[in-house]
PDB file of N, CA and C in Angstrom:
ATOM      1  N   MET A   1    -144.729 149.952  19.411  1.00  0.00           N
ATOM      2  CA  MET A   1    -143.514 149.947  20.434  1.00  0.00           C
ATOM      3  C   MET A   1    -145.531 147.712  20.706  1.00  0.00           C
ATOM      4  N   SER A   2    -145.176 147.132  20.183  1.00  0.00           N
ATOM      5  CA  SER A   2    -145.779 145.702  20.542  1.00  0.00           C
ATOM      6  C   SER A   2    -145.538 145.409  22.147  1.00  0.00           C
ATOM      7  N   ALA A   3    -145.994 145.427  23.017  1.00  0.00           N
ATOM      8  CA  ALA A   3    -146.384 145.015  24.134  1.00  0.00           C
ATOM      9  C   ALA A   3    -145.616 143.764  24.616  1.00  0.00           C
ATOM     10  N   ALA A   4    -144.753 143.559  25.972  1.00  0.00           N
ATOM     11  CA  ALA A   4    -144.397 142.286  26.570  1.00  0.00           C
ATOM     12  C   ALA A   4    -144.974 141.580  26.382  1.00  0.00           C
ATOM     13  N   LEU A   5    -144.458 140.430  26.166  1.00  0.00           N
ATOM     14  CA  LEU A   5    -145.111 139.029  26.272  1.00  0.00           C
ATOM     15  C   LEU A   5    -144.746 138.189  27.496  1.00  0.00           C
ATOM     16  N   ARG A   6    -145.699 138.203  28.386  1.00  0.00           N
ATOM     17  CA  ARG A   6    -146.263 137.891  30.035  1.00  0.00           C
ATOM     18  C   ARG A   6    -146.138 136.105  30.101  1.00  0.00           C
ATOM     19  N   VAL A   7    -144.906 136.017  30.258  1.00  0.00           N
ATOM     20  CA  VAL A   7    -145.165 134.330  30.405  1.00  0.00           C
ATOM     21  C   VAL A   7    -144.781 133.353  31.651  1.00  0.00           C
ATOM     22  N   PHE A   8    -144.667 132.496  32.246  1.00  0.00           N
ATOM     23  CA  PHE A   8    -144.433 131.780  33.627  1.00  0.00           C
ATOM     24  C   PHE A   8    -143.921 130.984  33.415  1.00  0.00           C
ATOM     25  N   VAL A   9    -142.796 130.626  33.985  1.00  0.00           N
ATOM     26  CA  VAL A   9    -142.196 130.109  34.152  1.00  0.00           C
ATOM     27  C   VAL A   9    -141.452 128.946  35.554  1.00  0.00           C
ATOM     28  N   ASN A  10    -142.199 127.644  35.736  1.00  0.00           N
ATOM     29  CA  ASN A  10    -142.198 127.351  36.513  1.00  0.00           C
ATOM     30  C   ASN A  10    -142.713 127.913  38.095  1.00  0.00           C
ATOM     31  N   GLU A  11    -144.146 128.362  36.785  1.00  0.00           N
ATOM     32  CA  GLU A  11    -145.039 129.453  38.550  1.00  0.00           C
ATOM     33  C   GLU A  11    -144.856 130.471  38.656  1.00  0.00           C
ATOM     34  N   ARG A  12    -143.018 131.048  37.840  1.00  0.00           N
ATOM     35  CA  ARG A  12    -143.173 133.052  38.173  1.00  0.00           C
ATOM     36  C   ARG A  12    -143.148 133.191  37.610  1.00  0.00           C
ATOM     37  N   PRO A  13    -143.748 134.401  37.024  1.00  0.00           N
ATOM     38  CA  PRO A  13    -144.144 135.698  35.869  1.00  0.00           C
ATOM     39  C   PRO A  13    -142.925 136.060  35.107  1.00  0.00           C
ATOM     40  N   TYR A  14    -142.272 136.227  34.382  1.00  0.00           N
ATOM     41  CA  TYR A  14    -142.045 137.114  33.222  1.00  0.00           C
ATOM     42  C   TYR A  14    -142.104 137.975  32.068  1.00  0.00           C
ATOM     43  N   SER A  15    -141.607 138.957  32.058  1.00  0.00           N
ATOM     44  CA  SER A  15    -141.898 139.765  30.389  1.00  0.00           C
ATOM     45  C   SER A  15    -140.651 139.951  30.133  1.00  0.00           C
ATOM     46  N   LEU A  16    -141.453 138.921  28.666  1.00  0.00           N
ATOM     47  CA  LEU A  16    -140.009 139.267  27.824  1.00  0.00           C
ATOM     48  C   LEU A  16    -140.655 139.971  26.608  1.00  0.00           C
ATOM     49  N   PRO A  17    -139.824 140.483  25.194  1.00  0.00           N
ATOM     50  CA  PRO A  17    -139.604 141.053  24.241  1.00  0.00           C
ATOM     51  C   PRO A  17    -140.567 140.107  23.053  1.00  0.00           C
ATOM     52  N   PRO A  18    -141.963 140.541  22.537  1.00  0.00           N
ATOM     53  CA  PRO A  18    -142.469 140.035  21.494  1.00  0.00           C
ATOM     54  C   PRO A  18    -141.658 138.626  20.864  1.00  0.00           C
ATOM     55  N   GLY A  19    -141.979 137.840  20.422  1.00  0.00           N
ATOM     56  CA  GLY A  19    -140.392 137.287  19.430  1.00  0.00           C
ATOM     57  C   GLY A  19    -140.220 136.341  20.036  1.00  0.00           C
ATOM     58  N   SER A  20    -139.922 136.630  21.376  1.00  0.00           N
ATOM     59  CA  SER A  20    -139.194 135.717  22.265  1.00  0.00           C
ATOM     60  C   SER A  20    -139.518 133.955  22.508  1.00  0.00           C
ATOM     61  N   THR A  21    -138.216 133.177  21.944  1.00  0.00           N
ATOM     62  CA  THR A  21    -138.432 132.293  22.420  1.00  0.00           C
ATOM     63  C   THR A  21    -138.877 131.242  23.399  1.00  0.00           C
ATOM     64  N   VAL A  22    -138.843 130.221  23.228  1.00  0.00           N
ATOM     65  CA  VAL A  22    -138.798 129.107  24.908  1.00  0.00           C
ATOM     66  C   VAL A  22    -137.048 129.402  25.301  1.00  0.00           C
ATOM     67  N   ARG A  23    -136.166 129.186  24.674  1.00  0.00           N
ATOM     68  CA  ARG A  23    -134.558 129.921  25.542  1.00  0.00           C
ATOM     69  C   ARG A  23    -134.726 130.734  26.335  1.00  0.00           C
ATOM     70  N   ASP A  24    -135.596 132.272  25.338  1.00  0.00           N
ATOM     71  CA  ASP A  24    -134.784 133.301  25.962  1.00  0.00           C
ATOM     72  C   ASP A  24    -135.775 133.657  27.627  1.00  0.00           C
ATOM     73  N   ALA A  25    -137.040 132.330  27.641  1.00  0.00           N
ATOM     74  CA  ALA A  25    -137.589 132.852  28.923  1.00  0.00           C
ATOM     75  C   ALA A  25    -136.872 132.215  29.455  1.00  0.00           C
ATOM     76  N   LEU A  26    -136.120 130.671  29.297  1.00  0.00           N
ATOM     77  CA  LEU A  26    -135.429 130.554  29.746  1.00  0.00           C
ATOM     78  C   LEU A  26    -133.937 130.657  30.563  1.00  0.00           C
ATOM     79  N   ARG A  27    -133.742 131.808  29.060  1.00  0.00           N
ATOM     80  CA  ARG A  27    -132.529 131.980  29.925  1.00  0.00           C
ATOM     81  C   ARG A  27    -133.038 133.167  31.561  1.00  0.00           C
ATOM     82  N   ALA A  28    -133.931 133.994  30.699  1.00  0.00           N
ATOM     83  CA  ALA A  28    -134.091 134.669  31.890  1.00  0.00           C
ATOM     84  C   ALA A  28    -135.112 133.948  32.981  1.00  0.00           C
ATOM     85  N   ALA A  29    -135.432 133.164  33.996  1.00  0.00           N
ATOM     86  CA  ALA A  29    -135.669 132.032  34.108  1.00  0.00           C
ATOM     87  C   ALA A  29    -135.436 130.870  35.169  1.00  0.00           C
ATOM     88  N   ALA A  30    -134.362 130.763  34.821  1.00  0.00           N
ATOM     89  CA  ALA A  30    -133.841 129.125  35.044  1.00  0.00           C
ATOM     90  C   ALA A  30    -131.632 129.055  34.432  1.00  0.00           C
ATOM     91  N   PRO A  31    -131.583 130.455  34.092  1.00  0.00           N
ATOM     92  CA  PRO A  31    -129.978 130.117  32.864  1.00  0.00           C
ATOM     93  C   PRO A  31    -129.217 129.636  33.191  1.00  0.00           C
ATOM     94  N   GLU A  32    -129.374 128.254  33.967  1.00  0.00           N
ATOM     95  CA  GLU A  32    -128.503 126.916  34.889  1.00  0.00           C
ATOM     96  C   GLU A  32    -129.061 125.830  33.190  1.00  0.00           C
ATOM     97  N   LEU A  33    -130.004 126.246  33.270  1.00  0.00           N
ATOM     98  CA  LEU A  33    -130.428 124.880  32.818  1.00  0.00           C
ATOM     99  C   LEU A  33    -130.285 124.919  31.110  1.00  0.00           C
ATOM    100  N   VAL A  34    -130.161 125.942  30.333  1.00  0.00           N
ATOM    101  CA  VAL A  34    -130.043 126.202  29.368  1.00  0.00           C
ATOM    102  C   VAL A  34    -128.746 125.452  28.287  1.00  0.00           C
ATOM    103  N   PRO A  35    -127.967 125.343  29.374  1.00  0.00           N
ATOM    104  CA  PRO A  35    -126.639 123.973  28.501  1.00  0.00           C
ATOM    105  C   PRO A  35    -127.542 122.045  29.040  1.00  0.00           C
ATOM    106  N   LEU A  36    -128.010 122.311  30.074  1.00  0.00           N
ATOM    107  CA  LEU A  36    -129.008 120.943  30.113  1.00  0.00           C
ATOM    108  C   LEU A  36    -129.830 120.770  29.704  1.00  0.00           C
ATOM    109  N   CYS A  37    -130.334 121.957  29.138  1.00  0.00           N
ATOM    110  CA  CYS A  37    -131.717 121.245  27.911  1.00  0.00           C
ATOM    111  C   CYS A  37    -130.931 120.459  26.705  1.00  0.00           C
ATOM    112  N   GLU A  38    -130.140 121.838  25.993  1.00  0.00           N
ATOM    113  CA  GLU A  38    -129.059 121.808  24.877  1.00  0.00           C
ATOM    114  C   GLU A  38    -128.441 120.087  25.346  1.00  0.00           C
ATOM    115  N   ALA A  39    -128.356 119.604  26.238  1.00  0.00           N
ATOM    116  CA  ALA A  39    -127.433 118.284  26.419  1.00  0.00           C
ATOM    117  C   ALA A  39    -127.877 116.829  26.678  1.00  0.00           C
ATOM    118  N   GLY A  40    -129.799 117.643  26.575  1.00  0.00           N
ATOM    119  CA  GLY A  40    -130.473 116.518  26.900  1.00  0.00           C
ATOM    120  C   GLY A  40    -130.907 115.436  27.962  1.00  0.00           C
ATOM    121  N   GLN A  41    -130.357 116.971  29.462  1.00  0.00           N
ATOM    122  CA  GLN A  41    -130.372 115.975  30.304  1.00  0.00           C
ATOM    123  C   GLN A  41    -132.135 117.236  31.263  1.00  0.00           C
ATOM    124  N   ALA A  42    -132.265 117.783  30.473  1.00  0.00           N
ATOM    125  CA  ALA A  42    -133.081 119.284  31.127  1.00  0.00           C
ATOM    126  C   ALA A  42    -134.117 119.464  30.413  1.00  0.00           C
ATOM    127  N   VAL A  43    -135.583 119.425  30.035  1.00  0.00           N
ATOM    128  CA  VAL A  43    -137.464 119.605  29.244  1.00  0.00           C
ATOM    129  C   VAL A  43    -136.914 120.330  30.134  1.00  0.00           C
ATOM    130  N   VAL A  44    -138.040 121.361  28.874  1.00  0.00           N
ATOM    131  CA  VAL A  44    -139.377 122.289  29.164  1.00  0.00           C
ATOM    132  C   VAL A  44    -140.613 121.847  28.459  1.00  0.00           C
ATOM    133  N   THR A  45    -141.324 122.202  29.647  1.00  0.00           N
ATOM    134  CA  THR A  45    -142.533 121.018  28.965  1.00  0.00           C
ATOM    135  C   THR A  45    -144.147 122.539  29.035  1.00  0.00           C
ATOM    136  N   ASP A  46    -144.699 122.799  28.453  1.00  0.00           N
ATOM    137  CA  ASP A  46    -145.793 123.762  28.467  1.00  0.00           C
ATOM    138  C   ASP A  46    -147.252 123.416  29.114  1.00  0.00           C
ATOM    139  N   GLY A  47    -148.115 123.639  29.408  1.00  0.00           N
ATOM    140  CA  GLY A  47    -148.989 123.820  30.232  1.00  0.00           C
ATOM    141  C   GLY A  47    -149.660 122.041  30.284  1.00  0.00           C
ATOM    142  N   ARG A  48    -149.749 121.126  29.019  1.00  0.00           N
ATOM    143  CA  ARG A  48    -150.607 120.447  29.263  1.00  0.00           C
ATOM    144  C   ARG A  48    -149.605 119.671  29.687  1.00  0.00           C
ATOM    145  N   ALA A  49    -147.520 120.110  30.009  1.00  0.00           N
ATOM    146  CA  ALA A  49    -145.988 118.655  29.916  1.00  0.00           C
ATOM    147  C   ALA A  49    -146.256 117.663  28.682  1.00  0.00           C
ATOM    148  N   ILE A  50    -146.395 118.503  27.989  1.00  0.00           N
ATOM    149  CA  ILE A  50    -145.911 118.431  26.919  1.00  0.00           C
ATOM    150  C   ILE A  50    -144.478 119.081  26.576  1.00  0.00           C
ATOM    151  N   GLU A  51    -143.036 117.753  26.323  1.00  0.00           N
ATOM    152  CA  GLU A  51    -141.878 118.443  25.977  1.00  0.00           C
ATOM    153  C   GLU A  51    -141.889 119.417  24.501  1.00  0.00           C
ATOM    154  N   ILE A  52    -141.383 120.418  25.040  1.00  0.00           N
ATOM    155  CA  ILE A  52    -140.898 121.647  24.066  1.00  0.00           C
ATOM    156  C   ILE A  52    -140.171 122.466  23.792  1.00  0.00           C
ATOM    157  N   ALA A  53    -140.032 122.053  22.439  1.00  0.00           N
ATOM    158  CA  ALA A  53    -138.600 122.734  21.718  1.00  0.00           C
ATOM    159  C   ALA A  53    -138.342 124.735  21.957  1.00  0.00           C
ATOM    160  N   LEU A  54    -136.855 124.132  22.359  1.00  0.00           N
ATOM    161  CA  LEU A  54    -136.539 125.382  22.921  1.00  0.00           C
ATOM    162  C   LEU A  54    -136.224 126.563  22.036  1.00  0.00           C
ATOM    163  N   ASP A  55    -136.531 126.397  20.302  1.00  0.00           N
ATOM    164  CA  ASP A  55    -136.993 127.185  19.828  1.00  0.00           C
ATOM    165  C   ASP A  55    -137.940 128.099  19.510  1.00  0.00           C
ATOM    166  N   ALA A  56    -139.051 126.599  20.390  1.00  0.00           N
ATOM    167  CA  ALA A  56    -140.222 127.035  19.806  1.00  0.00           C
ATOM    168  C   ALA A  56    -140.604 129.166  20.337  1.00  0.00           C
ATOM    169  N   PRO A  57    -141.431 129.440  19.613  1.00  0.00           N
ATOM    170  CA  PRO A  57    -142.067 130.661  20.081  1.00  0.00           C
ATOM    171  C   PRO A  57    -143.527 130.446  20.891  1.00  0.00           C
ATOM    172  N   LEU A  58    -142.861 131.840  21.577  1.00  0.00           N
ATOM    173  CA  LEU A  58    -143.530 132.177  22.729  1.00  0.00           C
ATOM    174  C   LEU A  58    -145.157 132.277  22.505  1.00  0.00           C
ATOM    175  N   THR A  59    -145.938 132.983  23.179  1.00  0.00           N
ATOM    176  CA  THR A  59    -146.998 133.795  23.150  1.00  0.00           C
ATOM    177  C   THR A  59    -147.187 134.028  24.803  1.00  0.00           C
ATOM    178  N   GLY A  60    -148.504 135.070  24.791  1.00  0.00           N
ATOM    179  CA  GLY A  60    -148.153 136.136  26.151  1.00  0.00           C
ATOM    180  C   GLY A  60    -149.174 134.586  26.698  1.00  0.00           C
ATOM    181  N   GLY A  61    -148.855 134.402  28.003  1.00  0.00           N
ATOM    182  CA  GLY A  61    -149.557 133.731  29.001  1.00  0.00           C
ATOM    183  C   GLY A  61    -149.359 132.014  28.801  1.00  0.00           C
ATOM    184  N   ALA A  62    -147.710 131.588  28.066  1.00  0.00           N
ATOM    185  CA  ALA A  62    -147.532 130.501  28.092  1.00  0.00           C
ATOM    186  C   ALA A  62    -147.149 130.192  29.566  1.00  0.00           C
ATOM    187  N   ILE A  63    -146.995 128.935  29.930  1.00  0.00           N
ATOM    188  CA  ILE A  63    -146.443 128.221  30.640  1.00  0.00           C
ATOM    189  C   ILE A  63    -145.974 126.941  30.943  1.00  0.00           C
ATOM    190  N   LEU A  64    -144.654 127.931  31.710  1.00  0.00           N
ATOM    191  CA  LEU A  64    -143.740 126.044  30.722  1.00  0.00           C
ATOM    192  C   LEU A  64    -143.227 126.259  32.464  1.00  0.00           C
ATOM    193  N   ARG A  65    -142.642 124.641  32.180  1.00  0.00           N
ATOM    194  CA  ARG A  65    -142.264 123.989  33.491  1.00  0.00           C
ATOM    195  C   ARG A  65    -140.933 123.410  33.141  1.00  0.00           C
ATOM    196  N   ALA A  66    -140.162 123.690  34.354  1.00  0.00           N
ATOM    197  CA  ALA A  66    -137.891 123.479  33.299  1.00  0.00           C
ATOM    198  C   ALA A  66    -137.565 122.879  34.878  1.00  0.00           C
ATOM    199  N   GLN A  67    -137.201 120.957  34.104  1.00  0.00           N
ATOM    200  CA  GLN A  67    -135.837 120.395  34.878  1.00  0.00           C
ATOM    201  C   GLN A  67    -135.911 119.947  34.799  1.00  0.00           C
ATOM    202  N   GLN A  68    -134.536 119.580  35.796  1.00  0.00           N
ATOM    203  CA  GLN A  68    -133.441 118.182  35.192  1.00  0.00           C
ATOM    204  C   GLN A  68    -134.461 116.644  35.478  1.00  0.00           C
ATOM    205  N   THR A  69    -134.249 115.991  34.387  1.00  0.00           N
ATOM    206  CA  THR A  69    -134.345 114.917  33.743  1.00  0.00           C
ATOM    207  C   THR A  69    -133.655 113.451  34.679  1.00  0.00           C
ATOM    208  N   SER A  70    -134.408 112.536  34.745  1.00  0.00           N
ATOM    209  CA  SER A  70    -133.379 111.396  35.100  1.00  0.00           C
ATOM    210  C   SER A  70    -132.532 110.736  33.797  1.00  0.00           C
ATOM    211  N   ARG A  71    -133.243 110.394  32.514  1.00  0.00           N
ATOM    212  CA  ARG A  71    -132.487 110.212  31.659  1.00  0.00           C
ATOM    213  C   ARG A  71    -131.338 110.133  31.570  1.00  0.00           C
ATOM    214  N   ARG A  72    -130.382 109.400  31.129  1.00  0.00           N
ATOM    215  CA  ARG A  72    -129.308 108.419  30.999  1.00  0.00           C
ATOM    216  C   ARG A  72    -128.928 108.863  29.992  1.00  0.00           C
ATOM    217  N   GLY A  73    -127.727 109.394  29.369  1.00  0.00           N
ATOM    218  CA  GLY A  73    -127.628 110.059  27.308  1.00  0.00           C
ATOM    219  C   GLY A  73    -126.849 108.477  27.563  1.00  0.00           C
TER     220      GLY A  73
END
């Protein structure tokens, strides 16, 4: 059995199963932001502040930031 992935979302640690995506991490950390991200009203960025897709696979130690945007659709 593979070890859980340790990721950080908005500075808080989470343990997720192997094969998890950014969406899975967001569901664990801030589920209210998932529909906002899907609608383009929130974004998730990596540790370098580069926007990352919800379906992107995670690796252990990933650092993510999720927040609402001020963009207008």
